[in-house]
Amino acid sequence: MKTKDNIIDLEDYRIKQGNKISKVFTGRDRGKSVREKSKLDRIEQDNNSVEIIIPNNIYSINPSFFEELFVNVVKKLGKEKFLEKFKFSSIGDYNYDKPLKEAIDRILRSKTALD
């Protein structure tokens, strides 16, 4: 597990069963779980920047996972400030850009005057 206060390494949140390890991050429930366990909202509040590390050997990250993982910080910061504050690095060759942008757009689309 990374020890720097502003780093969230998704490797730490992969599902493991014996010697098998998940190659996907999918679903709102999983995104919420990772958000809570990683204390993402607190890390965002306490730091000027946040690094998200996408591990090697990832096959897919669904927009719904990102949507629930980042819902609070995207609503708080908006798209531009979120993308300035959150830095993403992929250890492998998974291209997270499209599902991330789709998730951000969904979050902002669902925002209402009551939020």
N, C-alpha and C. Protein backbone atom coordinates (compact mmCIF):
# COMPACT_ATOMS: atom_id res chain seq x y z
N MET A 1 0.85 -1.18 0.00
CA MET A 1 0.00 0.00 0.00
C MET A 1 0.89 1.24 0.00
N LYS A 2 0.57 2.20 -0.84
CA LYS A 2 1.33 3.45 -0.89
C LYS A 2 1.13 4.21 0.41
N THR A 3 2.20 4.84 0.89
CA THR A 3 2.11 5.52 2.18
C THR A 3 1.98 7.02 2.06
N LYS A 4 2.24 7.59 0.90
CA LYS A 4 2.09 9.03 0.74
C LYS A 4 0.62 9.39 0.89
N ASP A 5 0.35 10.47 1.61
CA ASP A 5 -1.01 10.82 1.99
C ASP A 5 -1.94 11.15 0.83
N ASN A 6 -1.40 11.54 -0.31
CA ASN A 6 -2.27 11.96 -1.41
C ASN A 6 -2.29 10.97 -2.57
N ILE A 7 -1.90 9.73 -2.32
CA ILE A 7 -1.88 8.70 -3.37
C ILE A 7 -2.91 7.61 -3.07
N ILE A 8 -3.71 7.30 -4.09
CA ILE A 8 -4.62 6.15 -4.01
C ILE A 8 -4.20 5.19 -5.11
N ASP A 9 -3.70 4.05 -4.71
CA ASP A 9 -3.27 3.02 -5.65
C ASP A 9 -4.38 1.98 -5.74
N LEU A 10 -5.04 1.91 -6.89
CA LEU A 10 -6.16 0.97 -7.02
C LEU A 10 -5.73 -0.49 -6.87
N GLU A 11 -4.44 -0.76 -6.98
CA GLU A 11 -3.93 -2.12 -6.72
C GLU A 11 -4.37 -2.59 -5.33
N ASP A 12 -4.40 -1.67 -4.38
CA ASP A 12 -4.77 -2.00 -3.00
C ASP A 12 -6.24 -2.39 -2.85
N TYR A 13 -7.03 -2.16 -3.88
CA TYR A 13 -8.48 -2.40 -3.81
C TYR A 13 -8.96 -3.43 -4.81
N ARG A 14 -8.04 -4.17 -5.40
CA ARG A 14 -8.43 -5.26 -6.30
C ARG A 14 -9.01 -6.40 -5.48
N ILE A 15 -9.95 -7.11 -6.07
CA ILE A 15 -10.53 -8.28 -5.41
C ILE A 15 -9.60 -9.46 -5.67
N LYS A 16 -9.25 -10.17 -4.59
CA LYS A 16 -8.35 -11.32 -4.69
C LYS A 16 -9.03 -12.55 -4.11
N GLN A 17 -8.88 -13.66 -4.83
CA GLN A 17 -9.37 -14.95 -4.35
C GLN A 17 -8.25 -15.95 -4.56
N GLY A 18 -7.60 -16.32 -3.49
CA GLY A 18 -6.46 -17.22 -3.61
C GLY A 18 -5.37 -16.55 -4.42
N ASN A 19 -4.92 -17.22 -5.48
CA ASN A 19 -3.88 -16.62 -6.32
C ASN A 19 -4.47 -15.90 -7.54
N LYS A 20 -5.80 -15.78 -7.59
CA LYS A 20 -6.45 -15.05 -8.68
C LYS A 20 -6.72 -13.62 -8.24
N ILE A 21 -6.54 -12.71 -9.20
CA ILE A 21 -6.74 -11.29 -8.91
C ILE A 21 -7.62 -10.67 -10.00
N SER A 22 -8.55 -9.82 -9.58
CA SER A 22 -9.48 -9.19 -10.51
C SER A 22 -8.73 -8.28 -11.48
N LYS A 23 -9.20 -8.30 -12.72
CA LYS A 23 -8.62 -7.43 -13.76
C LYS A 23 -9.60 -6.35 -14.17
N VAL A 24 -10.71 -6.22 -13.43
CA VAL A 24 -11.73 -5.21 -13.74
C VAL A 24 -12.14 -4.47 -12.47
N PHE A 25 -12.52 -3.22 -12.66
CA PHE A 25 -13.19 -2.45 -11.63
C PHE A 25 -14.53 -2.06 -12.23
N THR A 26 -15.62 -2.55 -11.64
CA THR A 26 -16.92 -2.35 -12.25
C THR A 26 -17.99 -2.13 -11.19
N GLY A 27 -18.97 -1.34 -11.52
CA GLY A 27 -20.17 -1.19 -10.70
C GLY A 27 -20.09 -0.06 -9.68
N ARG A 28 -21.25 0.51 -9.44
CA ARG A 28 -21.37 1.59 -8.46
C ARG A 28 -21.03 1.12 -7.06
N ASP A 29 -21.48 -0.08 -6.70
CA ASP A 29 -21.22 -0.56 -5.35
C ASP A 29 -19.72 -0.71 -5.09
N ARG A 30 -18.99 -1.17 -6.08
CA ARG A 30 -17.54 -1.31 -5.95
C ARG A 30 -16.87 0.06 -5.87
N GLY A 31 -17.33 1.01 -6.69
CA GLY A 31 -16.80 2.36 -6.64
C GLY A 31 -17.01 3.01 -5.29
N LYS A 32 -18.21 2.82 -4.74
CA LYS A 32 -18.51 3.37 -3.41
C LYS A 32 -17.63 2.74 -2.35
N SER A 33 -17.45 1.43 -2.43
CA SER A 33 -16.60 0.73 -1.47
C SER A 33 -15.17 1.25 -1.50
N VAL A 34 -14.62 1.42 -2.69
CA VAL A 34 -13.25 1.92 -2.81
C VAL A 34 -13.17 3.37 -2.33
N ARG A 35 -14.19 4.18 -2.64
CA ARG A 35 -14.20 5.57 -2.16
C ARG A 35 -14.15 5.62 -0.64
N GLU A 36 -14.96 4.78 -0.01
CA GLU A 36 -15.01 4.78 1.46
C GLU A 36 -13.74 4.21 2.08
N LYS A 37 -13.26 3.09 1.57
CA LYS A 37 -12.06 2.45 2.14
C LYS A 37 -10.80 3.29 1.92
N SER A 38 -10.73 3.97 0.78
CA SER A 38 -9.54 4.78 0.48
C SER A 38 -9.59 6.15 1.16
N LYS A 39 -10.78 6.51 1.67
CA LYS A 39 -10.98 7.83 2.26
C LYS A 39 -10.71 8.95 1.24
N LEU A 40 -11.12 8.71 0.00
CA LEU A 40 -10.87 9.62 -1.11
C LEU A 40 -11.36 11.04 -0.82
N ASP A 41 -12.55 11.18 -0.27
CA ASP A 41 -13.09 12.52 -0.02
C ASP A 41 -12.23 13.29 0.97
N ARG A 42 -11.73 12.62 1.99
CA ARG A 42 -10.86 13.24 2.99
C ARG A 42 -9.50 13.60 2.36
N ILE A 43 -8.98 12.69 1.55
CA ILE A 43 -7.69 12.94 0.89
C ILE A 43 -7.80 14.16 -0.01
N GLU A 44 -8.89 14.27 -0.75
CA GLU A 44 -9.10 15.44 -1.61
C GLU A 44 -9.14 16.71 -0.78
N GLN A 45 -9.84 16.67 0.32
CA GLN A 45 -10.01 17.85 1.17
C GLN A 45 -8.68 18.30 1.78
N ASP A 46 -7.82 17.35 2.13
CA ASP A 46 -6.60 17.65 2.87
C ASP A 46 -5.37 17.90 2.00
N ASN A 47 -5.49 17.76 0.68
CA ASN A 47 -4.32 17.87 -0.20
C ASN A 47 -4.59 18.77 -1.39
N ASN A 48 -3.52 19.36 -1.92
CA ASN A 48 -3.62 20.21 -3.11
C ASN A 48 -3.72 19.40 -4.39
N SER A 49 -3.21 18.17 -4.36
CA SER A 49 -3.31 17.28 -5.50
C SER A 49 -3.49 15.85 -5.00
N VAL A 50 -4.08 15.04 -5.85
CA VAL A 50 -4.32 13.63 -5.52
C VAL A 50 -3.87 12.81 -6.71
N GLU A 51 -3.09 11.75 -6.43
CA GLU A 51 -2.65 10.86 -7.50
C GLU A 51 -3.42 9.55 -7.41
N ILE A 52 -3.99 9.15 -8.54
CA ILE A 52 -4.69 7.87 -8.67
C ILE A 52 -3.83 6.98 -9.55
N ILE A 53 -3.45 5.82 -9.03
CA ILE A 53 -2.61 4.89 -9.78
C ILE A 53 -3.47 3.73 -10.27
N ILE A 54 -3.49 3.56 -11.59
CA ILE A 54 -4.18 2.43 -12.23
C ILE A 54 -3.15 1.30 -12.33
N PRO A 55 -3.41 0.15 -11.72
CA PRO A 55 -2.41 -0.92 -11.71
C PRO A 55 -2.20 -1.58 -13.08
N ASN A 56 -1.14 -2.33 -13.15
CA ASN A 56 -0.83 -3.12 -14.34
C ASN A 56 -1.86 -4.24 -14.48
N ASN A 57 -2.02 -4.74 -15.69
CA ASN A 57 -2.85 -5.91 -15.95
C ASN A 57 -4.33 -5.66 -15.67
N ILE A 58 -4.80 -4.45 -15.99
CA ILE A 58 -6.22 -4.13 -15.87
C ILE A 58 -6.86 -4.28 -17.24
N TYR A 59 -7.99 -4.98 -17.27
CA TYR A 59 -8.71 -5.22 -18.51
C TYR A 59 -9.78 -4.15 -18.75
N SER A 60 -10.44 -3.71 -17.67
CA SER A 60 -11.54 -2.76 -17.83
C SER A 60 -11.82 -2.02 -16.53
N ILE A 61 -12.15 -0.73 -16.67
CA ILE A 61 -12.72 0.05 -15.57
C ILE A 61 -13.98 0.69 -16.14
N ASN A 62 -15.11 0.31 -15.61
CA ASN A 62 -16.38 0.80 -16.13
C ASN A 62 -16.66 2.22 -15.64
N PRO A 63 -17.33 3.03 -16.47
CA PRO A 63 -17.70 4.38 -16.04
C PRO A 63 -18.49 4.37 -14.73
N SER A 64 -19.32 3.37 -14.52
CA SER A 64 -20.13 3.33 -13.29
C SER A 64 -19.24 3.22 -12.04
N PHE A 65 -18.11 2.52 -12.14
CA PHE A 65 -17.16 2.45 -11.03
C PHE A 65 -16.58 3.84 -10.76
N PHE A 66 -16.07 4.48 -11.81
CA PHE A 66 -15.50 5.82 -11.66
C PHE A 66 -16.56 6.81 -11.17
N GLU A 67 -17.78 6.66 -11.66
CA GLU A 67 -18.85 7.58 -11.31
C GLU A 67 -19.08 7.59 -9.80
N GLU A 68 -19.17 6.43 -9.21
CA GLU A 68 -19.42 6.37 -7.76
C GLU A 68 -18.15 6.68 -6.97
N LEU A 69 -17.00 6.33 -7.50
CA LEU A 69 -15.73 6.62 -6.83
C LEU A 69 -15.53 8.13 -6.69
N PHE A 70 -15.84 8.88 -7.75
CA PHE A 70 -15.53 10.31 -7.79
C PHE A 70 -16.73 11.24 -7.66
N VAL A 71 -17.92 10.71 -7.36
CA VAL A 71 -19.14 11.51 -7.38
C VAL A 71 -19.03 12.75 -6.50
N ASN A 72 -18.55 12.62 -5.30
CA ASN A 72 -18.53 13.76 -4.38
C ASN A 72 -17.52 14.83 -4.81
N VAL A 73 -16.34 14.39 -5.22
CA VAL A 73 -15.30 15.36 -5.57
C VAL A 73 -15.59 16.05 -6.91
N VAL A 74 -16.20 15.35 -7.85
CA VAL A 74 -16.56 15.98 -9.12
C VAL A 74 -17.67 17.01 -8.89
N LYS A 75 -18.66 16.68 -8.08
CA LYS A 75 -19.72 17.65 -7.78
C LYS A 75 -19.15 18.86 -7.06
N LYS A 76 -18.21 18.64 -6.19
CA LYS A 76 -17.59 19.73 -5.42
C LYS A 76 -16.71 20.62 -6.29
N LEU A 77 -15.87 20.00 -7.12
CA LEU A 77 -14.85 20.75 -7.87
C LEU A 77 -15.26 21.15 -9.28
N GLY A 78 -16.17 20.41 -9.89
CA GLY A 78 -16.46 20.60 -11.31
C GLY A 78 -15.40 19.89 -12.15
N LYS A 79 -15.65 19.78 -13.43
CA LYS A 79 -14.79 18.99 -14.32
C LYS A 79 -13.36 19.53 -14.40
N GLU A 80 -13.21 20.81 -14.68
CA GLU A 80 -11.87 21.36 -14.90
C GLU A 80 -11.01 21.28 -13.64
N LYS A 81 -11.56 21.69 -12.51
CA LYS A 81 -10.78 21.67 -11.27
C LYS A 81 -10.48 20.24 -10.82
N PHE A 82 -11.44 19.33 -11.06
CA PHE A 82 -11.19 17.92 -10.75
C PHE A 82 -9.99 17.41 -11.55
N LEU A 83 -9.99 17.68 -12.86
CA LEU A 83 -8.92 17.18 -13.71
C LEU A 83 -7.58 17.87 -13.42
N GLU A 84 -7.62 19.07 -12.86
CA GLU A 84 -6.38 19.73 -12.44
C GLU A 84 -5.85 19.12 -11.15
N LYS A 85 -6.74 18.82 -10.23
CA LYS A 85 -6.33 18.33 -8.90
C LYS A 85 -5.98 16.85 -8.90
N PHE A 86 -6.71 16.06 -9.67
CA PHE A 86 -6.51 14.62 -9.70
C PHE A 86 -5.61 14.24 -10.87
N LYS A 87 -4.49 13.62 -10.56
CA LYS A 87 -3.53 13.16 -11.57
C LYS A 87 -3.63 11.64 -11.65
N PHE A 88 -3.72 11.14 -12.85
CA PHE A 88 -3.86 9.71 -13.07
C PHE A 88 -2.61 9.17 -13.73
N SER A 89 -2.17 8.00 -13.26
CA SER A 89 -1.07 7.32 -13.93
C SER A 89 -1.42 5.85 -14.04
N SER A 90 -1.14 5.29 -15.21
CA SER A 90 -1.44 3.89 -15.47
C SER A 90 -0.13 3.12 -15.54
N ILE A 91 0.03 2.15 -14.65
CA ILE A 91 1.24 1.34 -14.62
C ILE A 91 1.33 0.48 -15.89
N GLY A 92 0.19 -0.02 -16.33
CA GLY A 92 0.15 -0.84 -17.54
C GLY A 92 -0.26 -0.02 -18.74
N ASP A 93 -0.96 -0.68 -19.66
CA ASP A 93 -1.35 0.01 -20.88
C ASP A 93 -2.85 0.28 -20.98
N TYR A 94 -3.57 0.15 -19.86
CA TYR A 94 -5.01 0.40 -19.89
C TYR A 94 -5.27 1.90 -20.09
N ASN A 95 -6.12 2.23 -21.05
CA ASN A 95 -6.48 3.61 -21.33
C ASN A 95 -7.78 3.94 -20.58
N TYR A 96 -7.65 4.64 -19.49
CA TYR A 96 -8.77 4.97 -18.60
C TYR A 96 -9.51 6.24 -19.02
N ASP A 97 -9.00 6.97 -20.00
CA ASP A 97 -9.50 8.30 -20.33
C ASP A 97 -10.98 8.31 -20.71
N LYS A 98 -11.40 7.43 -21.60
CA LYS A 98 -12.80 7.43 -22.07
C LYS A 98 -13.79 7.11 -20.94
N PRO A 99 -13.60 6.03 -20.17
CA PRO A 99 -14.55 5.78 -19.09
C PRO A 99 -14.54 6.86 -18.01
N LEU A 100 -13.38 7.47 -17.76
CA LEU A 100 -13.29 8.54 -16.77
C LEU A 100 -14.10 9.75 -17.23
N LYS A 101 -13.91 10.16 -18.46
CA LYS A 101 -14.63 11.34 -18.98
C LYS A 101 -16.13 11.07 -19.04
N GLU A 102 -16.52 9.85 -19.40
CA GLU A 102 -17.94 9.50 -19.42
C GLU A 102 -18.53 9.58 -18.01
N ALA A 103 -17.78 9.11 -17.02
CA ALA A 103 -18.25 9.15 -15.64
C ALA A 103 -18.41 10.60 -15.16
N ILE A 104 -17.44 11.44 -15.47
CA ILE A 104 -17.51 12.85 -15.07
C ILE A 104 -18.74 13.50 -15.70
N ASP A 105 -18.96 13.26 -16.99
CA ASP A 105 -20.11 13.84 -17.67
C ASP A 105 -21.42 13.35 -17.06
N ARG A 106 -21.50 12.08 -16.71
CA ARG A 106 -22.72 11.53 -16.07
C ARG A 106 -22.96 12.19 -14.73
N ILE A 107 -21.91 12.35 -13.94
CA ILE A 107 -22.05 12.97 -12.61
C ILE A 107 -22.59 14.39 -12.75
N LEU A 108 -22.02 15.14 -13.65
CA LEU A 108 -22.43 16.54 -13.81
C LEU A 108 -23.81 16.66 -14.45
N ARG A 109 -24.18 15.71 -15.30
CA ARG A 109 -25.51 15.70 -15.92
C ARG A 109 -26.59 15.42 -14.89
N SER A 110 -26.26 14.58 -13.90
CA SER A 110 -27.27 14.19 -12.90
C SER A 110 -27.40 15.23 -11.79
N LYS A 111 -26.53 16.22 -11.79
CA LYS A 111 -26.60 17.27 -10.78
C LYS A 111 -27.85 18.10 -11.03
N THR A 112 -28.58 18.38 -9.96
CA THR A 112 -29.80 19.15 -10.09
C THR A 112 -29.70 20.42 -9.25
N ALA A 113 -30.71 21.27 -9.33
CA ALA A 113 -30.73 22.49 -8.55
C ALA A 113 -30.82 22.20 -7.05
N LEU A 114 -31.23 21.01 -6.70
CA LEU A 114 -31.35 20.65 -5.29
C LEU A 114 -30.02 20.20 -4.68
N ASP A 115 -29.01 19.91 -5.52
CA ASP A 115 -27.72 19.45 -5.01
C ASP A 115 -26.95 20.57 -4.35
